Amino acid sequence: MASIFDYQFNVGGNFTAAMDGMVESAGRFNAAVETSTKGLPKWEQKFAVFGLANDYIDRANRAF
């Protein structure tokens, strides 16, 4: 009877290929995360400007 480890990773032949596939997938995921986070500082700046403008409009509305 084969163990669970033998069944899941096919130690008899494809363990290295399976591990290489996992490493490659992790690398692609990491690259995707890095790409998606590069634009965050620009969005933070836009939201900060929007927040300041919103505060200014609120204060102007209260004055009238």
PDB file of N, CA and C in Angstrom:
ATOM      1  N   MET A   1       0.853  -1.180   0.000  1.00  0.00           N
ATOM      2  CA  MET A   1       0.000   0.000   0.000  1.00  0.00           C
ATOM      3  C   MET A   1       0.897   1.240   0.000  1.00  0.00           C
ATOM      4  N   ALA A   2       0.649   2.144  -0.935  1.00  0.00           N
ATOM      5  CA  ALA A   2       1.450   3.363  -1.043  1.00  0.00           C
ATOM      6  C   ALA A   2       1.059   4.344   0.052  1.00  0.00           C
ATOM      7  N   SER A   3       2.045   5.061   0.536  1.00  0.00           N
ATOM      8  CA  SER A   3       1.756   6.062   1.567  1.00  0.00           C
ATOM      9  C   SER A   3       1.140   7.296   0.909  1.00  0.00           C
ATOM     10  N   ILE A   4       0.567   8.150   1.718  1.00  0.00           N
ATOM     11  CA  ILE A   4      -0.037   9.389   1.220  1.00  0.00           C
ATOM     12  C   ILE A   4       1.023  10.239   0.541  1.00  0.00           C
ATOM     13  N   PHE A   5       2.216  10.277   1.102  1.00  0.00           N
ATOM     14  CA  PHE A   5       3.299  11.067   0.516  1.00  0.00           C
ATOM     15  C   PHE A   5       3.620  10.578  -0.886  1.00  0.00           C
ATOM     16  N   ASP A   6       3.738   9.270  -1.059  1.00  0.00           N
ATOM     17  CA  ASP A   6       4.016   8.706  -2.380  1.00  0.00           C
ATOM     18  C   ASP A   6       2.909   9.052  -3.360  1.00  0.00           C
ATOM     19  N   TYR A   7       1.686   9.010  -2.901  1.00  0.00           N
ATOM     20  CA  TYR A   7       0.547   9.283  -3.771  1.00  0.00           C
ATOM     21  C   TYR A   7       0.511  10.744  -4.210  1.00  0.00           C
ATOM     22  N   GLN A   8       0.673  11.674  -3.282  1.00  0.00           N
ATOM     23  CA  GLN A   8       0.541  13.089  -3.593  1.00  0.00           C
ATOM     24  C   GLN A   8       1.701  13.632  -4.406  1.00  0.00           C
ATOM     25  N   PHE A   9       2.890  13.193  -4.152  1.00  0.00           N
ATOM     26  CA  PHE A   9       4.059  13.755  -4.821  1.00  0.00           C
ATOM     27  C   PHE A   9       4.676  12.823  -5.857  1.00  0.00           C
ATOM     28  N   ASN A  10       4.141  11.631  -6.003  1.00  0.00           N
ATOM     29  CA  ASN A  10       4.640  10.684  -6.991  1.00  0.00           C
ATOM     30  C   ASN A  10       6.154  10.563  -6.897  1.00  0.00           C
ATOM     31  N   VAL A  11       6.625  10.221  -5.709  1.00  0.00           N
ATOM     32  CA  VAL A  11       8.052  10.141  -5.429  1.00  0.00           C
ATOM     33  C   VAL A  11       8.741   9.203  -6.407  1.00  0.00           C
ATOM     34  N   GLY A  12       8.031   8.247  -6.926  1.00  0.00           N
ATOM     35  CA  GLY A  12       8.618   7.313  -7.856  1.00  0.00           C
ATOM     36  C   GLY A  12       9.153   7.966  -9.116  1.00  0.00           C
ATOM     37  N   GLY A  13       8.725   9.166  -9.472  1.00  0.00           N
ATOM     38  CA  GLY A  13       9.199   9.730 -10.716  1.00  0.00           C
ATOM     39  C   GLY A  13       9.139  11.235 -10.855  1.00  0.00           C
ATOM     40  N   ASN A  14       8.153  11.902 -10.269  1.00  0.00           N
ATOM     41  CA  ASN A  14       7.948  13.318 -10.573  1.00  0.00           C
ATOM     42  C   ASN A  14       8.102  14.248  -9.389  1.00  0.00           C
ATOM     43  N   PHE A  15       8.741  13.847  -8.338  1.00  0.00           N
ATOM     44  CA  PHE A  15       8.866  14.712  -7.166  1.00  0.00           C
ATOM     45  C   PHE A  15       9.572  16.014  -7.525  1.00  0.00           C
ATOM     46  N   THR A  16      10.695  15.914  -8.230  1.00  0.00           N
ATOM     47  CA  THR A  16      11.450  17.115  -8.605  1.00  0.00           C
ATOM     48  C   THR A  16      10.626  18.008  -9.522  1.00  0.00           C
ATOM     49  N   ALA A  17       9.934  17.418 -10.479  1.00  0.00           N
ATOM     50  CA  ALA A  17       9.094  18.206 -11.383  1.00  0.00           C
ATOM     51  C   ALA A  17       7.965  18.890 -10.622  1.00  0.00           C
ATOM     52  N   ALA A  18       7.374  18.182  -9.662  1.00  0.00           N
ATOM     53  CA  ALA A  18       6.299  18.778  -8.857  1.00  0.00           C
ATOM     54  C   ALA A  18       6.830  19.945  -8.036  1.00  0.00           C
ATOM     55  N   MET A  19       7.997  19.767  -7.431  1.00  0.00           N
ATOM     56  CA  MET A  19       8.587  20.845  -6.638  1.00  0.00           C
ATOM     57  C   MET A  19       8.965  22.034  -7.521  1.00  0.00           C
ATOM     58  N   ASP A  20       9.510  21.767  -8.702  1.00  0.00           N
ATOM     59  CA  ASP A  20       9.842  22.844  -9.637  1.00  0.00           C
ATOM     60  C   ASP A  20       8.593  23.615 -10.042  1.00  0.00           C
ATOM     61  N   GLY A  21       7.490  22.896 -10.254  1.00  0.00           N
ATOM     62  CA  GLY A  21       6.227  23.547 -10.594  1.00  0.00           C
ATOM     63  C   GLY A  21       5.729  24.438  -9.469  1.00  0.00           C
ATOM     64  N   MET A  22       5.877  23.972  -8.231  1.00  0.00           N
ATOM     65  CA  MET A  22       5.458  24.785  -7.083  1.00  0.00           C
ATOM     66  C   MET A  22       6.317  26.037  -6.963  1.00  0.00           C
ATOM     67  N   VAL A  23       7.617  25.900  -7.159  1.00  0.00           N
ATOM     68  CA  VAL A  23       8.519  27.055  -7.082  1.00  0.00           C
ATOM     69  C   VAL A  23       8.183  28.052  -8.183  1.00  0.00           C
ATOM     70  N   GLU A  24       7.923  27.553  -9.390  1.00  0.00           N
ATOM     71  CA  GLU A  24       7.567  28.435 -10.504  1.00  0.00           C
ATOM     72  C   GLU A  24       6.253  29.173 -10.232  1.00  0.00           C
ATOM     73  N   SER A  25       5.278  28.453  -9.713  1.00  0.00           N
ATOM     74  CA  SER A  25       3.987  29.083  -9.392  1.00  0.00           C
ATOM     75  C   SER A  25       4.142  30.137  -8.311  1.00  0.00           C
ATOM     76  N   ALA A  26       4.949  29.847  -7.303  1.00  0.00           N
ATOM     77  CA  ALA A  26       5.190  30.830  -6.240  1.00  0.00           C
ATOM     78  C   ALA A  26       5.889  32.057  -6.796  1.00  0.00           C
ATOM     79  N   GLY A  27       6.820  31.865  -7.729  1.00  0.00           N
ATOM     80  CA  GLY A  27       7.504  32.994  -8.358  1.00  0.00           C
ATOM     81  C   GLY A  27       6.552  33.858  -9.162  1.00  0.00           C
ATOM     82  N   ARG A  28       5.647  33.229  -9.920  1.00  0.00           N
ATOM     83  CA  ARG A  28       4.661  34.002 -10.698  1.00  0.00           C
ATOM     84  C   ARG A  28       3.733  34.782  -9.775  1.00  0.00           C
ATOM     85  N   PHE A  29       3.314  34.145  -8.677  1.00  0.00           N
ATOM     86  CA  PHE A  29       2.448  34.821  -7.711  1.00  0.00           C
ATOM     87  C   PHE A  29       3.162  36.021  -7.103  1.00  0.00           C
ATOM     88  N   ASN A  30       4.423  35.837  -6.716  1.00  0.00           N
ATOM     89  CA  ASN A  30       5.204  36.923  -6.132  1.00  0.00           C
ATOM     90  C   ASN A  30       5.344  38.080  -7.125  1.00  0.00           C
ATOM     91  N   ALA A  31       5.617  37.772  -8.388  1.00  0.00           N
ATOM     92  CA  ALA A  31       5.743  38.810  -9.410  1.00  0.00           C
ATOM     93  C   ALA A  31       4.431  39.562  -9.597  1.00  0.00           C
ATOM     94  N   ALA A  32       3.319  38.842  -9.556  1.00  0.00           N
ATOM     95  CA  ALA A  32       2.013  39.488  -9.704  1.00  0.00           C
ATOM     96  C   ALA A  32       1.720  40.422  -8.534  1.00  0.00           C
ATOM     97  N   VAL A  33       2.074  40.002  -7.328  1.00  0.00           N
ATOM     98  CA  VAL A  33       1.864  40.847  -6.147  1.00  0.00           C
ATOM     99  C   VAL A  33       2.729  42.104  -6.242  1.00  0.00           C
ATOM    100  N   GLU A  34       3.987  41.953  -6.619  1.00  0.00           N
ATOM    101  CA  GLU A  34       4.874  43.110  -6.750  1.00  0.00           C
ATOM    102  C   GLU A  34       4.359  44.082  -7.804  1.00  0.00           C
ATOM    103  N   THR A  35       3.876  43.566  -8.922  1.00  0.00           N
ATOM    104  CA  THR A  35       3.341  44.420  -9.986  1.00  0.00           C
ATOM    105  C   THR A  35       2.115  45.186  -9.505  1.00  0.00           C
ATOM    106  N   SER A  36       1.238  44.506  -8.788  1.00  0.00           N
ATOM    107  CA  SER A  36       0.007  45.163  -8.344  1.00  0.00           C
ATOM    108  C   SER A  36       0.249  46.185  -7.241  1.00  0.00           C
ATOM    109  N   THR A  37       1.321  46.048  -6.474  1.00  0.00           N
ATOM    110  CA  THR A  37       1.574  46.998  -5.392  1.00  0.00           C
ATOM    111  C   THR A  37       2.392  48.202  -5.837  1.00  0.00           C
ATOM    112  N   LYS A  38       2.954  48.172  -7.036  1.00  0.00           N
ATOM    113  CA  LYS A  38       3.752  49.307  -7.510  1.00  0.00           C
ATOM    114  C   LYS A  38       2.907  50.567  -7.692  1.00  0.00           C
ATOM    115  N   GLY A  39       1.646  50.427  -8.047  1.00  0.00           N
ATOM    116  CA  GLY A  39       0.789  51.578  -8.272  1.00  0.00           C
ATOM    117  C   GLY A  39       0.151  52.141  -7.019  1.00  0.00           C
ATOM    118  N   LEU A  40       0.328  51.496  -5.884  1.00  0.00           N
ATOM    119  CA  LEU A  40      -0.334  51.950  -4.657  1.00  0.00           C
ATOM    120  C   LEU A  40       0.070  53.354  -4.217  1.00  0.00           C
ATOM    121  N   PRO A  41       1.349  53.751  -4.272  1.00  0.00           N
ATOM    122  CA  PRO A  41       1.677  55.122  -3.851  1.00  0.00           C
ATOM    123  C   PRO A  41       0.937  56.197  -4.653  1.00  0.00           C
ATOM    124  N   LYS A  42       0.738  55.959  -5.939  1.00  0.00           N
ATOM    125  CA  LYS A  42      -0.016  56.926  -6.757  1.00  0.00           C
ATOM    126  C   LYS A  42      -1.452  57.031  -6.280  1.00  0.00           C
ATOM    127  N   TRP A  43      -2.072  55.886  -5.977  1.00  0.00           N
ATOM    128  CA  TRP A  43      -3.451  55.912  -5.491  1.00  0.00           C
ATOM    129  C   TRP A  43      -3.536  56.571  -4.121  1.00  0.00           C
ATOM    130  N   GLU A  44      -2.558  56.322  -3.271  1.00  0.00           N
ATOM    131  CA  GLU A  44      -2.548  56.954  -1.952  1.00  0.00           C
ATOM    132  C   GLU A  44      -2.507  58.464  -2.087  1.00  0.00           C
ATOM    133  N   GLN A  45      -1.687  58.950  -3.005  1.00  0.00           N
ATOM    134  CA  GLN A  45      -1.590  60.393  -3.213  1.00  0.00           C
ATOM    135  C   GLN A  45      -2.914  60.952  -3.740  1.00  0.00           C
ATOM    136  N   LYS A  46      -3.542  60.253  -4.668  1.00  0.00           N
ATOM    137  CA  LYS A  46      -4.823  60.719  -5.214  1.00  0.00           C
ATOM    138  C   LYS A  46      -5.900  60.760  -4.132  1.00  0.00           C
ATOM    139  N   PHE A  47      -5.932  59.728  -3.277  1.00  0.00           N
ATOM    140  CA  PHE A  47      -6.922  59.716  -2.201  1.00  0.00           C
ATOM    141  C   PHE A  47      -6.644  60.818  -1.180  1.00  0.00           C
ATOM    142  N   ALA A  48      -5.377  61.121  -0.938  1.00  0.00           N
ATOM    143  CA  ALA A  48      -5.035  62.201  -0.003  1.00  0.00           C
ATOM    144  C   ALA A  48      -5.514  63.538  -0.554  1.00  0.00           C
ATOM    145  N   VAL A  49      -5.288  63.775  -1.842  1.00  0.00           N
ATOM    146  CA  VAL A  49      -5.741  65.021  -2.471  1.00  0.00           C
ATOM    147  C   VAL A  49      -7.264  65.086  -2.436  1.00  0.00           C
ATOM    148  N   PHE A  50      -7.921  63.987  -2.733  1.00  0.00           N
ATOM    149  CA  PHE A  50      -9.381  63.948  -2.681  1.00  0.00           C
ATOM    150  C   PHE A  50      -9.880  64.243  -1.273  1.00  0.00           C
ATOM    151  N   GLY A  51      -9.214  63.685  -0.268  1.00  0.00           N
ATOM    152  CA  GLY A  51      -9.602  63.928   1.118  1.00  0.00           C
ATOM    153  C   GLY A  51      -9.461  65.397   1.494  1.00  0.00           C
ATOM    154  N   LEU A  52      -8.367  66.023   1.065  1.00  0.00           N
ATOM    155  CA  LEU A  52      -8.178  67.449   1.338  1.00  0.00           C
ATOM    156  C   LEU A  52      -9.249  68.284   0.645  1.00  0.00           C
ATOM    157  N   ALA A  53      -9.539  67.953  -0.605  1.00  0.00           N
ATOM    158  CA  ALA A  53     -10.570  68.687  -1.339  1.00  0.00           C
ATOM    159  C   ALA A  53     -11.930  68.508  -0.683  1.00  0.00           C
ATOM    160  N   ASN A  54     -12.218  67.304  -0.235  1.00  0.00           N
ATOM    161  CA  ASN A  54     -13.479  67.033   0.428  1.00  0.00           C
ATOM    162  C   ASN A  54     -13.595  67.833   1.725  1.00  0.00           C
ATOM    163  N   ASP A  55     -12.529  67.883   2.504  1.00  0.00           N
ATOM    164  CA  ASP A  55     -12.534  68.681   3.736  1.00  0.00           C
ATOM    165  C   ASP A  55     -12.765  70.158   3.436  1.00  0.00           C
ATOM    166  N   TYR A  56     -12.122  70.667   2.392  1.00  0.00           N
ATOM    167  CA  TYR A  56     -12.282  72.072   2.014  1.00  0.00           C
ATOM    168  C   TYR A  56     -13.731  72.361   1.633  1.00  0.00           C
ATOM    169  N   ILE A  57     -14.333  71.460   0.855  1.00  0.00           N
ATOM    170  CA  ILE A  57     -15.731  71.647   0.439  1.00  0.00           C
ATOM    171  C   ILE A  57     -16.658  71.577   1.650  1.00  0.00           C
ATOM    172  N   ASP A  58     -16.415  70.663   2.565  1.00  0.00           N
ATOM    173  CA  ASP A  58     -17.230  70.572   3.782  1.00  0.00           C
ATOM    174  C   ASP A  58     -17.153  71.866   4.586  1.00  0.00           C
ATOM    175  N   ARG A  59     -15.951  72.390   4.750  1.00  0.00           N
ATOM    176  CA  ARG A  59     -15.786  73.646   5.506  1.00  0.00           C
ATOM    177  C   ARG A  59     -16.466  74.802   4.803  1.00  0.00           C
ATOM    178  N   ALA A  60     -16.378  74.834   3.482  1.00  0.00           N
ATOM    179  CA  ALA A  60     -17.031  75.909   2.721  1.00  0.00           C
ATOM    180  C   ALA A  60     -18.534  75.812   2.851  1.00  0.00           C
ATOM    181  N   ASN A  61     -19.081  74.610   2.832  1.00  0.00           N
ATOM    182  CA  ASN A  61     -20.534  74.429   2.970  1.00  0.00           C
ATOM    183  C   ASN A  61     -21.015  74.832   4.374  1.00  0.00           C
ATOM    184  N   ARG A  62     -20.217  74.573   5.384  1.00  0.00           N
ATOM    185  CA  ARG A  62     -20.598  74.950   6.749  1.00  0.00           C
ATOM    186  C   ARG A  62     -20.584  76.458   6.931  1.00  0.00           C
ATOM    187  N   ALA A  63     -19.740  77.140   6.179  1.00  0.00           N
ATOM    188  CA  ALA A  63     -19.628  78.602   6.311  1.00  0.00           C
ATOM    189  C   ALA A  63     -20.879  79.288   5.758  1.00  0.00           C
ATOM    190  N   PHE A  64     -21.578  78.625   4.849  1.00  0.00           N
ATOM    191  CA  PHE A  64     -22.762  79.265   4.246  1.00  0.00           C
ATOM    192  C   PHE A  64     -23.962  78.790   4.913  1.00  0.00           C
TER     193      PHE A  64
END
